[in-house]
N, C-alpha and C. Protein backbone atom coordinates (compact mmCIF):
# COMPACT_ATOMS: atom_id res chain seq x y z
N MET A 1 0.82 -1.19 0.00
CA MET A 1 0.00 0.00 0.00
C MET A 1 0.87 1.26 0.00
N VAL A 2 2.02 1.17 0.64
CA VAL A 2 2.93 2.32 0.67
C VAL A 2 3.46 2.60 -0.72
N GLY A 3 3.78 1.53 -1.46
CA GLY A 3 4.25 1.72 -2.83
C GLY A 3 3.19 2.34 -3.73
N ASN A 4 1.95 1.89 -3.56
CA ASN A 4 0.85 2.50 -4.32
C ASN A 4 0.70 3.97 -3.96
N PHE A 5 0.80 4.28 -2.66
CA PHE A 5 0.65 5.67 -2.23
C PHE A 5 1.72 6.55 -2.84
N ILE A 6 2.96 6.09 -2.79
CA ILE A 6 4.06 6.91 -3.33
C ILE A 6 3.91 7.08 -4.84
N GLY A 7 3.58 5.99 -5.53
CA GLY A 7 3.42 6.08 -6.98
C GLY A 7 2.27 6.99 -7.38
N LEU A 8 1.15 6.85 -6.69
CA LEU A 8 0.00 7.71 -7.01
C LEU A 8 0.27 9.16 -6.64
N TRP A 9 0.99 9.37 -5.53
CA TRP A 9 1.28 10.74 -5.13
C TRP A 9 2.17 11.41 -6.16
N ILE A 10 3.12 10.66 -6.71
CA ILE A 10 3.98 11.23 -7.75
C ILE A 10 3.15 11.61 -8.97
N VAL A 11 2.24 10.72 -9.36
CA VAL A 11 1.40 11.02 -10.53
C VAL A 11 0.53 12.23 -10.26
N TYR A 12 -0.14 12.25 -9.10
CA TYR A 12 -0.99 13.39 -8.77
C TYR A 12 -0.17 14.67 -8.60
N LEU A 13 1.04 14.54 -8.07
CA LEU A 13 1.90 15.70 -7.90
C LEU A 13 2.33 16.26 -9.26
N LEU A 14 2.60 15.39 -10.20
CA LEU A 14 2.94 15.87 -11.54
C LEU A 14 1.77 16.62 -12.17
N PHE A 15 0.56 16.09 -11.99
CA PHE A 15 -0.62 16.79 -12.49
C PHE A 15 -0.79 18.13 -11.78
N ALA A 16 -0.51 18.16 -10.48
CA ALA A 16 -0.63 19.41 -9.73
C ALA A 16 0.39 20.43 -10.23
N PHE A 17 1.63 20.00 -10.47
CA PHE A 17 2.64 20.93 -10.98
C PHE A 17 2.28 21.44 -12.36
N LEU A 18 1.82 20.54 -13.21
CA LEU A 18 1.43 20.97 -14.56
C LEU A 18 0.27 21.95 -14.52
N SER A 19 -0.69 21.65 -13.67
CA SER A 19 -1.83 22.58 -13.60
C SER A 19 -1.41 23.89 -12.92
N PHE A 20 -0.49 23.84 -11.97
CA PHE A 20 -0.02 25.08 -11.32
C PHE A 20 0.68 25.97 -12.32
N TRP A 21 1.58 25.37 -13.12
CA TRP A 21 2.28 26.19 -14.10
C TRP A 21 1.35 26.61 -15.23
N GLY A 22 0.36 25.78 -15.51
CA GLY A 22 -0.62 26.19 -16.52
C GLY A 22 -1.46 27.35 -16.05
N MET A 23 -1.78 27.36 -14.76
CA MET A 23 -2.57 28.46 -14.21
C MET A 23 -1.70 29.59 -13.69
N GLY A 24 -0.39 29.44 -13.80
CA GLY A 24 0.53 30.47 -13.32
C GLY A 24 0.35 31.79 -14.03
N ALA A 25 -0.14 31.75 -15.23
CA ALA A 25 -0.38 32.98 -15.97
C ALA A 25 -1.49 33.80 -15.33
N LEU A 26 -2.32 33.14 -14.49
CA LEU A 26 -3.40 33.86 -13.83
C LEU A 26 -2.91 34.59 -12.58
N GLY A 27 -1.69 34.35 -12.20
CA GLY A 27 -1.12 35.05 -11.05
C GLY A 27 -1.39 34.35 -9.73
N LEU A 28 -1.29 33.04 -9.71
CA LEU A 28 -1.48 32.30 -8.46
C LEU A 28 -0.28 32.49 -7.55
N PRO A 29 -0.50 32.63 -6.24
CA PRO A 29 0.65 32.75 -5.32
C PRO A 29 1.36 31.42 -5.16
N VAL A 30 2.60 31.47 -4.67
CA VAL A 30 3.42 30.28 -4.50
C VAL A 30 2.82 29.35 -3.44
N GLU A 31 2.11 29.90 -2.46
CA GLU A 31 1.49 29.08 -1.41
C GLU A 31 0.47 28.09 -1.99
N THR A 32 -0.06 28.41 -3.12
CA THR A 32 -1.02 27.53 -3.77
C THR A 32 -0.36 26.22 -4.17
N LEU A 33 0.91 26.28 -4.53
CA LEU A 33 1.63 25.07 -4.91
C LEU A 33 1.70 24.09 -3.75
N TRP A 34 1.95 24.59 -2.53
CA TRP A 34 2.03 23.70 -1.36
C TRP A 34 0.66 23.11 -1.03
N SER A 35 -0.37 23.87 -1.18
CA SER A 35 -1.71 23.32 -0.91
C SER A 35 -2.08 22.29 -1.98
N MET A 36 -1.64 22.52 -3.21
CA MET A 36 -1.90 21.53 -4.26
C MET A 36 -1.12 20.25 -4.01
N ALA A 37 0.10 20.37 -3.46
CA ALA A 37 0.88 19.17 -3.12
C ALA A 37 0.20 18.40 -1.99
N ALA A 38 -0.34 19.12 -1.02
CA ALA A 38 -1.07 18.47 0.07
C ALA A 38 -2.34 17.80 -0.45
N GLN A 39 -3.02 18.44 -1.36
CA GLN A 39 -4.21 17.84 -1.95
C GLN A 39 -3.85 16.60 -2.76
N ALA A 40 -2.73 16.63 -3.44
CA ALA A 40 -2.28 15.45 -4.19
C ALA A 40 -2.03 14.29 -3.25
N ALA A 41 -1.41 14.56 -2.10
CA ALA A 41 -1.16 13.50 -1.11
C ALA A 41 -2.49 12.95 -0.58
N PHE A 42 -3.44 13.84 -0.31
CA PHE A 42 -4.75 13.41 0.18
C PHE A 42 -5.46 12.54 -0.84
N PHE A 43 -5.47 12.96 -2.09
CA PHE A 43 -6.15 12.18 -3.13
C PHE A 43 -5.46 10.83 -3.37
N SER A 44 -4.13 10.80 -3.28
CA SER A 44 -3.45 9.53 -3.46
C SER A 44 -3.75 8.59 -2.29
N LEU A 45 -3.86 9.12 -1.08
CA LEU A 45 -4.23 8.30 0.07
C LEU A 45 -5.65 7.75 -0.10
N MET A 46 -6.57 8.58 -0.52
CA MET A 46 -7.94 8.12 -0.74
C MET A 46 -8.01 7.06 -1.84
N THR A 47 -7.21 7.23 -2.88
CA THR A 47 -7.18 6.24 -3.96
C THR A 47 -6.60 4.92 -3.47
N CYS A 48 -5.56 4.97 -2.65
CA CYS A 48 -4.97 3.75 -2.09
C CYS A 48 -5.98 3.02 -1.20
N ILE A 49 -6.71 3.77 -0.40
CA ILE A 49 -7.73 3.15 0.45
C ILE A 49 -8.80 2.50 -0.41
N TYR A 50 -9.21 3.16 -1.48
CA TYR A 50 -10.21 2.59 -2.38
C TYR A 50 -9.69 1.31 -3.02
N ILE A 51 -8.45 1.31 -3.46
CA ILE A 51 -7.86 0.12 -4.08
C ILE A 51 -7.82 -1.02 -3.08
N LYS A 52 -7.41 -0.73 -1.84
CA LYS A 52 -7.32 -1.77 -0.81
C LYS A 52 -8.70 -2.33 -0.49
N LEU A 53 -9.70 -1.47 -0.38
CA LEU A 53 -11.06 -1.93 -0.10
C LEU A 53 -11.61 -2.78 -1.25
N THR A 54 -11.27 -2.42 -2.47
CA THR A 54 -11.71 -3.20 -3.62
C THR A 54 -11.06 -4.58 -3.60
N GLU A 55 -9.76 -4.64 -3.26
CA GLU A 55 -9.08 -5.94 -3.16
C GLU A 55 -9.70 -6.79 -2.05
N LEU A 56 -9.98 -6.18 -0.90
CA LEU A 56 -10.59 -6.93 0.20
C LEU A 56 -11.98 -7.43 -0.17
N HIS A 57 -12.72 -6.62 -0.91
CA HIS A 57 -14.07 -7.02 -1.33
C HIS A 57 -14.01 -8.21 -2.28
N SER A 58 -13.04 -8.20 -3.20
CA SER A 58 -12.92 -9.34 -4.12
C SER A 58 -12.48 -10.59 -3.38
N LYS A 59 -11.59 -10.44 -2.40
CA LYS A 59 -11.18 -11.61 -1.60
C LYS A 59 -12.35 -12.15 -0.80
N GLN A 60 -13.18 -11.26 -0.28
CA GLN A 60 -14.36 -11.69 0.48
C GLN A 60 -15.32 -12.45 -0.42
N LYS A 61 -15.52 -11.98 -1.64
CA LYS A 61 -16.40 -12.68 -2.58
C LYS A 61 -15.85 -14.08 -2.90
N ASP A 62 -14.53 -14.19 -3.08
CA ASP A 62 -13.92 -15.50 -3.35
C ASP A 62 -14.11 -16.44 -2.17
N ILE A 63 -13.92 -15.93 -0.97
CA ILE A 63 -14.09 -16.76 0.23
C ILE A 63 -15.55 -17.19 0.37
N GLU A 64 -16.48 -16.28 0.07
CA GLU A 64 -17.90 -16.64 0.14
C GLU A 64 -18.25 -17.73 -0.86
N LYS A 65 -17.70 -17.65 -2.07
CA LYS A 65 -17.95 -18.70 -3.07
C LYS A 65 -17.40 -20.04 -2.61
N LYS A 66 -16.18 -20.03 -2.06
CA LYS A 66 -15.59 -21.27 -1.57
C LYS A 66 -16.41 -21.84 -0.41
N LEU A 67 -16.87 -20.98 0.47
CA LEU A 67 -17.68 -21.42 1.59
C LEU A 67 -19.01 -21.99 1.11
N ASP A 68 -19.61 -21.36 0.11
CA ASP A 68 -20.86 -21.88 -0.43
C ASP A 68 -20.68 -23.26 -1.04
N THR A 69 -19.58 -23.46 -1.77
CA THR A 69 -19.34 -24.78 -2.36
C THR A 69 -19.08 -25.82 -1.28
N LEU A 70 -18.34 -25.44 -0.24
CA LEU A 70 -18.10 -26.38 0.86
C LEU A 70 -19.39 -26.73 1.58
N LEU A 71 -20.23 -25.74 1.80
CA LEU A 71 -21.51 -26.02 2.46
C LEU A 71 -22.41 -26.88 1.58
N ALA A 72 -22.37 -26.66 0.28
CA ALA A 72 -23.16 -27.48 -0.63
C ALA A 72 -22.65 -28.91 -0.64
N GLN A 73 -21.34 -29.09 -0.62
CA GLN A 73 -20.77 -30.44 -0.59
C GLN A 73 -21.07 -31.13 0.73
N GLN A 74 -21.08 -30.37 1.81
CA GLN A 74 -21.34 -30.95 3.11
C GLN A 74 -22.81 -31.33 3.26
N SER A 75 -23.71 -30.58 2.68
CA SER A 75 -25.14 -30.87 2.82
C SER A 75 -25.58 -32.04 1.94
N LEU A 76 -24.87 -32.34 0.86
CA LEU A 76 -25.26 -33.45 -0.02
C LEU A 76 -25.15 -34.81 0.67
N PRO A 77 -24.05 -35.17 1.32
CA PRO A 77 -24.00 -36.48 1.98
C PRO A 77 -25.01 -36.62 3.11
N VAL A 78 -25.34 -35.57 3.79
CA VAL A 78 -26.31 -35.63 4.87
C VAL A 78 -27.68 -36.02 4.32
N SER A 79 -28.09 -35.43 3.21
CA SER A 79 -29.39 -35.77 2.63
C SER A 79 -29.37 -37.19 2.05
N ASP A 80 -28.24 -37.62 1.50
CA ASP A 80 -28.13 -39.00 1.01
C ASP A 80 -28.23 -39.98 2.16
N ALA A 81 -27.61 -39.65 3.28
CA ALA A 81 -27.66 -40.54 4.44
C ALA A 81 -29.08 -40.64 4.98
N GLN A 82 -29.83 -39.58 4.95
CA GLN A 82 -31.21 -39.63 5.42
C GLN A 82 -32.07 -40.48 4.49
N GLU A 83 -31.84 -40.40 3.21
CA GLU A 83 -32.62 -41.18 2.25
C GLU A 83 -32.34 -42.68 2.40
N THR A 84 -31.09 -43.04 2.61
CA THR A 84 -30.76 -44.46 2.75
C THR A 84 -31.27 -45.01 4.07
N SER A 85 -31.22 -44.23 5.12
CA SER A 85 -31.71 -44.73 6.41
C SER A 85 -33.23 -44.87 6.38
N SER A 86 -33.93 -44.01 5.68
CA SER A 86 -35.38 -44.12 5.61
C SER A 86 -35.80 -45.27 4.69
N SER A 87 -34.97 -45.61 3.71
CA SER A 87 -35.32 -46.72 2.83
C SER A 87 -35.02 -48.06 3.48
N ASP A 88 -34.09 -48.10 4.45
CA ASP A 88 -33.79 -49.32 5.17
C ASP A 88 -34.89 -49.72 6.13
N VAL A 89 -35.63 -48.75 6.61
CA VAL A 89 -36.69 -49.04 7.57
C VAL A 89 -37.87 -49.64 6.80
N PRO A 90 -38.33 -50.82 7.19
CA PRO A 90 -39.47 -51.42 6.48
C PRO A 90 -40.74 -50.63 6.72
N GLN A 91 -41.46 -50.47 5.66
CA GLN A 91 -42.72 -49.72 5.76
C GLN A 91 -43.87 -50.69 5.94
N HIS A 92 -44.82 -50.41 6.87
CA HIS A 92 -45.94 -51.29 7.15
C HIS A 92 -47.18 -50.84 6.47
């Protein structure tokens, strides 16, 4: 996650620098550059959290599928055992 954060921050920081110099003709103060760098760090952190949550959600879905298949496999022999035991009992 730290590698993602650093990589995304660099990308967002490059966009911030490009937009700062692009808007420099409008007469933006230098302090704006520092706030844009802080915003880039914030957005990269939020993007990393989103990526991590998406990965956790996909892992949870995989675990749920595996659990469903295990429960389905476990419930099949139980129903087979009930059918055989009821057929063994003589009916009057």
